[in-house]
PDB file of all heavy atoms in Angstrom:
ATOM      1  N   SER A   1     -32.727 -36.939  24.754  1.00  0.00           N
ATOM      2  CA  SER A   1     -33.361 -35.680  25.132  1.00  0.00           C
ATOM      3  C   SER A   1     -34.403 -35.321  24.054  1.00  0.00           C
ATOM      4  O   SER A   1     -34.048 -34.998  22.940  1.00  0.00           O
ATOM      5  CB  SER A   1     -32.300 -34.564  25.211  1.00  0.00           C
ATOM      6  OG  SER A   1     -32.933 -33.307  25.494  1.00  0.00           O
ATOM      7  N   ASP A   2     -35.637 -35.524  24.434  1.00  0.00           N
ATOM      8  CA  ASP A   2     -36.719 -35.226  23.488  1.00  0.00           C
ATOM      9  C   ASP A   2     -37.394 -33.871  23.683  1.00  0.00           C
ATOM     10  O   ASP A   2     -38.159 -33.445  22.867  1.00  0.00           O
ATOM     11  CB  ASP A   2     -37.794 -36.328  23.533  1.00  0.00           C
ATOM     12  CG  ASP A   2     -38.504 -36.358  24.874  1.00  0.00           C
ATOM     13  OD1 ASP A   2     -37.864 -35.910  25.881  1.00  0.00           O
ATOM     14  OD2 ASP A   2     -39.638 -36.866  24.962  1.00  0.00           O
ATOM     15  N   GLU A   3     -37.011 -33.225  24.854  1.00  0.00           N
ATOM     16  CA  GLU A   3     -37.584 -31.916  25.146  1.00  0.00           C
ATOM     17  C   GLU A   3     -36.553 -30.816  25.121  1.00  0.00           C
ATOM     18  O   GLU A   3     -36.752 -29.783  24.496  1.00  0.00           O
ATOM     19  CB  GLU A   3     -38.302 -31.942  26.526  1.00  0.00           C
ATOM     20  CG  GLU A   3     -39.504 -32.909  26.578  1.00  0.00           C
ATOM     21  CD  GLU A   3     -40.162 -32.911  27.910  1.00  0.00           C
ATOM     22  OE1 GLU A   3     -39.604 -32.268  28.843  1.00  0.00           O
ATOM     23  OE2 GLU A   3     -41.194 -33.536  28.065  1.00  0.00           O
ATOM     24  N   GLN A   4     -35.412 -31.054  25.758  1.00  0.00           N
ATOM     25  CA  GLN A   4     -34.380 -30.075  25.773  1.00  0.00           C
ATOM     26  C   GLN A   4     -33.325 -30.412  24.733  1.00  0.00           C
ATOM     27  O   GLN A   4     -33.081 -31.608  24.426  1.00  0.00           O
ATOM     28  CB  GLN A   4     -33.718 -29.981  27.157  1.00  0.00           C
ATOM     29  CG  GLN A   4     -34.668 -29.566  28.247  1.00  0.00           C
ATOM     30  CD  GLN A   4     -33.979 -29.509  29.622  1.00  0.00           C
ATOM     31  OE1 GLN A   4     -32.812 -29.888  29.728  1.00  0.00           O
ATOM     32  NE2 GLN A   4     -34.675 -29.060  30.618  1.00  0.00           N
ATOM     33  N   VAL A   5     -32.717 -29.419  24.185  1.00  0.00           N
ATOM     34  CA  VAL A   5     -31.725 -29.633  23.129  1.00  0.00           C
ATOM     35  C   VAL A   5     -30.348 -29.935  23.739  1.00  0.00           C
ATOM     36  O   VAL A   5     -30.099 -29.507  24.876  1.00  0.00           O
ATOM     37  CB  VAL A   5     -31.617 -28.442  22.178  1.00  0.00           C
ATOM     38  CG1 VAL A   5     -32.925 -28.218  21.448  1.00  0.00           C
ATOM     39  CG2 VAL A   5     -31.288 -27.162  22.974  1.00  0.00           C
ATOM     40  N   VAL A   6     -29.581 -30.702  22.980  1.00  0.00           N
ATOM     41  CA  VAL A   6     -28.228 -31.017  23.383  1.00  0.00           C
ATOM     42  C   VAL A   6     -27.319 -30.572  22.276  1.00  0.00           C
ATOM     43  O   VAL A   6     -27.749 -30.420  21.105  1.00  0.00           O
ATOM     44  CB  VAL A   6     -28.038 -32.495  23.719  1.00  0.00           C
ATOM     45  CG1 VAL A   6     -28.879 -32.876  24.923  1.00  0.00           C
ATOM     46  CG2 VAL A   6     -28.435 -33.362  22.527  1.00  0.00           C
ATOM     47  N   TYR A   7     -26.008 -30.458  22.600  1.00  0.00           N
ATOM     48  CA  TYR A   7     -25.058 -29.992  21.591  1.00  0.00           C
ATOM     49  C   TYR A   7     -24.446 -31.106  20.813  1.00  0.00           C
ATOM     50  O   TYR A   7     -23.946 -32.103  21.394  1.00  0.00           O
ATOM     51  CB  TYR A   7     -23.954 -29.164  22.312  1.00  0.00           C
ATOM     52  CG  TYR A   7     -23.018 -28.513  21.313  1.00  0.00           C
ATOM     53  CD1 TYR A   7     -23.424 -27.439  20.523  1.00  0.00           C
ATOM     54  CD2 TYR A   7     -21.701 -28.970  21.216  1.00  0.00           C
ATOM     55  CE1 TYR A   7     -22.511 -26.872  19.664  1.00  0.00           C
ATOM     56  CE2 TYR A   7     -20.787 -28.355  20.358  1.00  0.00           C
ATOM     57  CZ  TYR A   7     -21.240 -27.304  19.561  1.00  0.00           C
ATOM     58  OH  TYR A   7     -20.341 -26.725  18.673  1.00  0.00           O
ATOM     59  N   PHE A   8     -24.499 -30.994  19.441  1.00  0.00           N
ATOM     60  CA  PHE A   8     -23.870 -31.942  18.575  1.00  0.00           C
ATOM     61  C   PHE A   8     -22.566 -31.319  18.041  1.00  0.00           C
ATOM     62  O   PHE A   8     -22.587 -30.313  17.371  1.00  0.00           O
ATOM     63  CB  PHE A   8     -24.766 -32.269  17.344  1.00  0.00           C
ATOM     64  CG  PHE A   8     -25.944 -33.153  17.652  1.00  0.00           C
ATOM     65  CD1 PHE A   8     -27.048 -32.699  18.379  1.00  0.00           C
ATOM     66  CD2 PHE A   8     -25.970 -34.458  17.235  1.00  0.00           C
ATOM     67  CE1 PHE A   8     -28.097 -33.529  18.675  1.00  0.00           C
ATOM     68  CE2 PHE A   8     -27.031 -35.309  17.496  1.00  0.00           C
ATOM     69  CZ  PHE A   8     -28.133 -34.866  18.230  1.00  0.00           C
ATOM     70  N   LYS A   9     -21.428 -31.951  18.443  1.00  0.00           N
ATOM     71  CA  LYS A   9     -20.138 -31.389  18.079  1.00  0.00           C
ATOM     72  C   LYS A   9     -19.949 -31.332  16.536  1.00  0.00           C
ATOM     73  O   LYS A   9     -19.505 -30.318  16.029  1.00  0.00           O
ATOM     74  CB  LYS A   9     -18.999 -32.208  18.704  1.00  0.00           C
ATOM     75  CG  LYS A   9     -18.931 -32.158  20.203  1.00  0.00           C
ATOM     76  CD  LYS A   9     -17.768 -32.983  20.726  1.00  0.00           C
ATOM     77  CE  LYS A   9     -17.641 -32.943  22.225  1.00  0.00           C
ATOM     78  NZ  LYS A   9     -16.560 -33.764  22.768  1.00  0.00           N
ATOM     79  N   THR A  10     -20.215 -32.438  15.904  1.00  0.00           N
ATOM     80  CA  THR A  10     -20.016 -32.496  14.461  1.00  0.00           C
ATOM     81  C   THR A  10     -20.890 -31.501  13.739  1.00  0.00           C
ATOM     82  O   THR A  10     -20.444 -30.786  12.808  1.00  0.00           O
ATOM     83  CB  THR A  10     -20.250 -33.934  13.945  1.00  0.00           C
ATOM     84  OG1 THR A  10     -19.463 -34.849  14.673  1.00  0.00           O
ATOM     85  CG2 THR A  10     -20.009 -34.026  12.470  1.00  0.00           C
ATOM     86  N   LEU A  11     -22.114 -31.402  14.147  1.00  0.00           N
ATOM     87  CA  LEU A  11     -23.068 -30.517  13.477  1.00  0.00           C
ATOM     88  C   LEU A  11     -22.905 -29.036  13.971  1.00  0.00           C
ATOM     89  O   LEU A  11     -23.431 -28.120  13.315  1.00  0.00           O
ATOM     90  CB  LEU A  11     -24.478 -30.966  13.701  1.00  0.00           C
ATOM     91  CG  LEU A  11     -24.831 -32.334  13.135  1.00  0.00           C
ATOM     92  CD1 LEU A  11     -26.268 -32.724  13.479  1.00  0.00           C
ATOM     93  CD2 LEU A  11     -24.602 -32.451  11.654  1.00  0.00           C
ATOM     94  N   ALA A  12     -22.233 -28.899  15.135  1.00  0.00           N
ATOM     95  CA  ALA A  12     -22.002 -27.576  15.733  1.00  0.00           C
ATOM     96  C   ALA A  12     -23.364 -26.877  15.909  1.00  0.00           C
ATOM     97  O   ALA A  12     -23.517 -25.703  15.604  1.00  0.00           O
ATOM     98  CB  ALA A  12     -21.107 -26.729  14.879  1.00  0.00           C
ATOM     99  N   GLN A  13     -24.317 -27.635  16.495  1.00  0.00           N
ATOM    100  CA  GLN A  13     -25.619 -27.042  16.756  1.00  0.00           C
ATOM    101  C   GLN A  13     -26.317 -27.807  17.855  1.00  0.00           C
ATOM    102  O   GLN A  13     -25.980 -28.926  18.181  1.00  0.00           O
ATOM    103  CB  GLN A  13     -26.484 -27.063  15.461  1.00  0.00           C
ATOM    104  CG  GLN A  13     -26.710 -28.403  14.891  1.00  0.00           C
ATOM    105  CD  GLN A  13     -27.511 -28.415  13.639  1.00  0.00           C
ATOM    106  OE1 GLN A  13     -28.738 -28.510  13.727  1.00  0.00           O
ATOM    107  NE2 GLN A  13     -26.932 -28.234  12.477  1.00  0.00           N
ATOM    108  N   TYR A  14     -27.324 -27.137  18.415  1.00  0.00           N
ATOM    109  CA  TYR A  14     -28.118 -27.764  19.476  1.00  0.00           C
ATOM    110  C   TYR A  14     -29.393 -28.283  18.838  1.00  0.00           C
ATOM    111  O   TYR A  14     -30.065 -27.637  18.038  1.00  0.00           O
ATOM    112  CB  TYR A  14     -28.492 -26.748  20.550  1.00  0.00           C
ATOM    113  CG  TYR A  14     -27.269 -26.365  21.446  1.00  0.00           C
ATOM    114  CD1 TYR A  14     -26.498 -25.271  21.083  1.00  0.00           C
ATOM    115  CD2 TYR A  14     -27.018 -27.049  22.621  1.00  0.00           C
ATOM    116  CE1 TYR A  14     -25.407 -24.910  21.876  1.00  0.00           C
ATOM    117  CE2 TYR A  14     -25.955 -26.695  23.414  1.00  0.00           C
ATOM    118  CZ  TYR A  14     -25.170 -25.618  23.063  1.00  0.00           C
ATOM    119  OH  TYR A  14     -24.078 -25.266  23.841  1.00  0.00           O
ATOM    120  N   ARG A  15     -29.763 -29.485  19.261  1.00  0.00           N
ATOM    121  CA  ARG A  15     -30.968 -30.137  18.717  1.00  0.00           C
ATOM    122  C   ARG A  15     -31.379 -31.278  19.667  1.00  0.00           C
ATOM    123  O   ARG A  15     -30.581 -31.689  20.491  1.00  0.00           O
ATOM    124  CB  ARG A  15     -30.782 -30.644  17.293  1.00  0.00           C
ATOM    125  CG  ARG A  15     -29.577 -31.506  17.167  1.00  0.00           C
ATOM    126  CD  ARG A  15     -29.260 -31.824  15.687  1.00  0.00           C
ATOM    127  NE  ARG A  15     -30.433 -32.468  15.005  1.00  0.00           N
ATOM    128  CZ  ARG A  15     -30.341 -32.838  13.729  1.00  0.00           C
ATOM    129  NH1 ARG A  15     -29.268 -32.635  13.013  1.00  0.00           N
ATOM    130  NH2 ARG A  15     -31.383 -33.393  13.161  1.00  0.00           N
ATOM    131  N   THR A  16     -32.609 -31.727  19.562  1.00  0.00           N
ATOM    132  CA  THR A  16     -33.055 -32.839  20.421  1.00  0.00           C
ATOM    133  C   THR A  16     -32.362 -34.116  19.941  1.00  0.00           C
ATOM    134  O   THR A  16     -31.969 -34.264  18.775  1.00  0.00           O
ATOM    135  CB  THR A  16     -34.575 -32.986  20.332  1.00  0.00           C
ATOM    136  OG1 THR A  16     -34.927 -33.191  18.955  1.00  0.00           O
ATOM    137  CG2 THR A  16     -35.279 -31.761  20.863  1.00  0.00           C
ATOM    138  N   ASN A  17     -32.326 -35.077  20.842  1.00  0.00           N
ATOM    139  CA  ASN A  17     -31.682 -36.370  20.548  1.00  0.00           C
ATOM    140  C   ASN A  17     -32.639 -37.483  20.913  1.00  0.00           C
ATOM    141  O   ASN A  17     -32.938 -37.729  22.096  1.00  0.00           O
ATOM    142  CB  ASN A  17     -30.395 -36.506  21.375  1.00  0.00           C
ATOM    143  CG  ASN A  17     -29.627 -37.779  20.997  1.00  0.00           C
ATOM    144  OD1 ASN A  17     -29.783 -38.294  19.907  1.00  0.00           O
ATOM    145  ND2 ASN A  17     -28.828 -38.268  21.898  1.00  0.00           N
ATOM    146  N   PRO A  18     -33.226 -38.196  19.897  1.00  0.00           N
ATOM    147  CA  PRO A  18     -34.227 -39.225  20.158  1.00  0.00           C
ATOM    148  C   PRO A  18     -33.628 -40.576  20.549  1.00  0.00           C
ATOM    149  O   PRO A  18     -34.350 -41.594  20.711  1.00  0.00           O
ATOM    150  CB  PRO A  18     -34.956 -39.358  18.800  1.00  0.00           C
ATOM    151  CG  PRO A  18     -33.888 -39.043  17.808  1.00  0.00           C
ATOM    152  CD  PRO A  18     -33.029 -38.030  18.429  1.00  0.00           C
ATOM    153  N   ALA A  19     -32.309 -40.645  20.710  1.00  0.00           N
ATOM    154  CA  ALA A  19     -31.666 -41.919  21.057  1.00  0.00           C
ATOM    155  C   ALA A  19     -30.502 -41.623  22.030  1.00  0.00           C
ATOM    156  O   ALA A  19     -30.232 -40.465  22.386  1.00  0.00           O
ATOM    157  CB  ALA A  19     -31.139 -42.602  19.791  1.00  0.00           C
ATOM    158  N   ILE A  20     -29.801 -42.656  22.440  1.00  0.00           N
ATOM    159  CA  ILE A  20     -28.552 -42.452  23.181  1.00  0.00           C
ATOM    160  C   ILE A  20     -27.434 -42.877  22.232  1.00  0.00           C
ATOM    161  O   ILE A  20     -27.558 -43.799  21.437  1.00  0.00           O
ATOM    162  CB  ILE A  20     -28.485 -43.223  24.495  1.00  0.00           C
ATOM    163  CG1 ILE A  20     -28.655 -44.733  24.262  1.00  0.00           C
ATOM    164  CG2 ILE A  20     -29.588 -42.736  25.458  1.00  0.00           C
ATOM    165  CD1 ILE A  20     -28.455 -45.596  25.510  1.00  0.00           C
ATOM    166  N   ILE A  21     -26.269 -42.159  22.337  1.00  0.00           N
ATOM    167  CA  ILE A  21     -25.099 -42.464  21.530  1.00  0.00           C
ATOM    168  C   ILE A  21     -24.083 -43.130  22.449  1.00  0.00           C
ATOM    169  O   ILE A  21     -23.542 -42.448  23.372  1.00  0.00           O
ATOM    170  CB  ILE A  21     -24.537 -41.212  20.908  1.00  0.00           C
ATOM    171  CG1 ILE A  21     -25.661 -40.430  20.162  1.00  0.00           C
ATOM    172  CG2 ILE A  21     -23.444 -41.551  19.932  1.00  0.00           C
ATOM    173  CD1 ILE A  21     -26.330 -41.273  19.093  1.00  0.00           C
ATOM    174  N   ILE A  22     -23.875 -44.416  22.262  1.00  0.00           N
ATOM    175  CA  ILE A  22     -22.946 -45.173  23.122  1.00  0.00           C
ATOM    176  C   ILE A  22     -21.580 -45.247  22.456  1.00  0.00           C
ATOM    177  O   ILE A  22     -21.466 -45.750  21.317  1.00  0.00           O
ATOM    178  CB  ILE A  22     -23.475 -46.594  23.380  1.00  0.00           C
ATOM    179  CG1 ILE A  22     -24.879 -46.526  23.964  1.00  0.00           C
ATOM    180  CG2 ILE A  22     -22.546 -47.337  24.315  1.00  0.00           C
ATOM    181  CD1 ILE A  22     -25.575 -47.876  24.136  1.00  0.00           C
ATOM    182  N   GLY A  23     -20.550 -44.739  23.117  1.00  0.00           N
ATOM    183  CA  GLY A  23     -19.205 -44.767  22.579  1.00  0.00           C
ATOM    184  C   GLY A  23     -18.684 -46.204  22.469  1.00  0.00           C
ATOM    185  O   GLY A  23     -18.951 -47.019  23.336  1.00  0.00           O
ATOM    186  N   ALA A  24     -17.948 -46.487  21.393  1.00  0.00           N
ATOM    187  CA  ALA A  24     -17.427 -47.871  21.206  1.00  0.00           C
ATOM    188  C   ALA A  24     -16.226 -47.813  20.299  1.00  0.00           C
ATOM    189  O   ALA A  24     -15.827 -46.723  19.811  1.00  0.00           O
ATOM    190  CB  ALA A  24     -18.489 -48.776  20.579  1.00  0.00           C
ATOM    191  N   LYS A  25     -15.624 -48.977  20.082  1.00  0.00           N
ATOM    192  CA  LYS A  25     -14.528 -49.061  19.095  1.00  0.00           C
ATOM    193  C   LYS A  25     -15.081 -49.707  17.833  1.00  0.00           C
ATOM    194  O   LYS A  25     -15.971 -50.557  17.867  1.00  0.00           O
ATOM    195  CB  LYS A  25     -13.405 -49.949  19.692  1.00  0.00           C
ATOM    196  CG  LYS A  25     -12.733 -49.350  20.915  1.00  0.00           C
ATOM    197  CD  LYS A  25     -11.649 -50.270  21.462  1.00  0.00           C
ATOM    198  CE  LYS A  25     -10.948 -49.740  22.634  1.00  0.00           C
ATOM    199  NZ  LYS A  25      -9.901 -50.634  23.200  1.00  0.00           N
ATOM    200  N   GLU A  26     -14.516 -49.262  16.734  1.00  0.00           N
ATOM    201  CA  GLU A  26     -14.954 -49.852  15.456  1.00  0.00           C
ATOM    202  C   GLU A  26     -14.657 -51.352  15.451  1.00  0.00           C
ATOM    203  O   GLU A  26     -13.528 -51.797  15.746  1.00  0.00           O
ATOM    204  CB  GLU A  26     -14.209 -49.165  14.283  1.00  0.00           C
ATOM    205  CG  GLU A  26     -14.694 -49.572  12.939  1.00  0.00           C
ATOM    206  CD  GLU A  26     -14.051 -48.785  11.841  1.00  0.00           C
ATOM    207  OE1 GLU A  26     -13.435 -47.755  12.102  1.00  0.00           O
ATOM    208  OE2 GLU A  26     -14.121 -49.230  10.672  1.00  0.00           O
ATOM    209  N   GLY A  27     -15.658 -52.122  15.127  1.00  0.00           N
ATOM    210  CA  GLY A  27     -15.529 -53.610  15.108  1.00  0.00           C
ATOM    211  C   GLY A  27     -16.119 -54.273  16.332  1.00  0.00           C
ATOM    212  O   GLY A  27     -16.143 -55.499  16.373  1.00  0.00           O
ATOM    213  N   ASP A  28     -16.503 -53.479  17.368  1.00  0.00           N
ATOM    214  CA  ASP A  28     -17.110 -54.099  18.523  1.00  0.00           C
ATOM    215  C   ASP A  28     -18.420 -54.741  18.142  1.00  0.00           C
ATOM    216  O   ASP A  28     -19.180 -54.269  17.299  1.00  0.00           O
ATOM    217  CB  ASP A  28     -17.420 -53.078  19.605  1.00  0.00           C
ATOM    218  CG  ASP A  28     -16.128 -52.599  20.348  1.00  0.00           C
ATOM    219  OD1 ASP A  28     -15.087 -53.257  20.121  1.00  0.00           O
ATOM    220  OD2 ASP A  28     -16.205 -51.603  21.078  1.00  0.00           O
ATOM    221  N   GLU A  29     -18.682 -55.952  18.800  1.00  0.00           N
ATOM    222  CA  GLU A  29     -19.911 -56.679  18.476  1.00  0.00           C
ATOM    223  C   GLU A  29     -21.123 -56.007  19.147  1.00  0.00           C
ATOM    224  O   GLU A  29     -21.059 -55.527  20.271  1.00  0.00           O
ATOM    225  CB  GLU A  29     -19.821 -58.117  18.964  1.00  0.00           C
ATOM    226  CG  GLU A  29     -18.818 -58.944  18.145  1.00  0.00           C
ATOM    227  CD  GLU A  29     -18.767 -60.380  18.630  1.00  0.00           C
ATOM    228  OE1 GLU A  29     -19.278 -60.669  19.780  1.00  0.00           O
ATOM    229  OE2 GLU A  29     -18.218 -61.245  17.933  1.00  0.00           O
ATOM    230  N   VAL A  30     -22.254 -56.020  18.433  1.00  0.00           N
ATOM    231  CA  VAL A  30     -23.510 -55.454  18.938  1.00  0.00           C
ATOM    232  C   VAL A  30     -24.484 -56.627  19.105  1.00  0.00           C
ATOM    233  O   VAL A  30     -24.700 -57.411  18.175  1.00  0.00           O
ATOM    234  CB  VAL A  30     -24.077 -54.411  17.953  1.00  0.00           C
ATOM    235  CG1 VAL A  30     -25.403 -53.888  18.479  1.00  0.00           C
ATOM    236  CG2 VAL A  30     -23.075 -53.280  17.735  1.00  0.00           C
TER     237      VAL A  30
END
């Protein structure tokens, strides 16, 4: 989202997101 803000749980704030956050397990191969 480069125009509209989205909510960041950890930061507890709304802000734009220049990437996508893909859920995974620690140790998964990229």
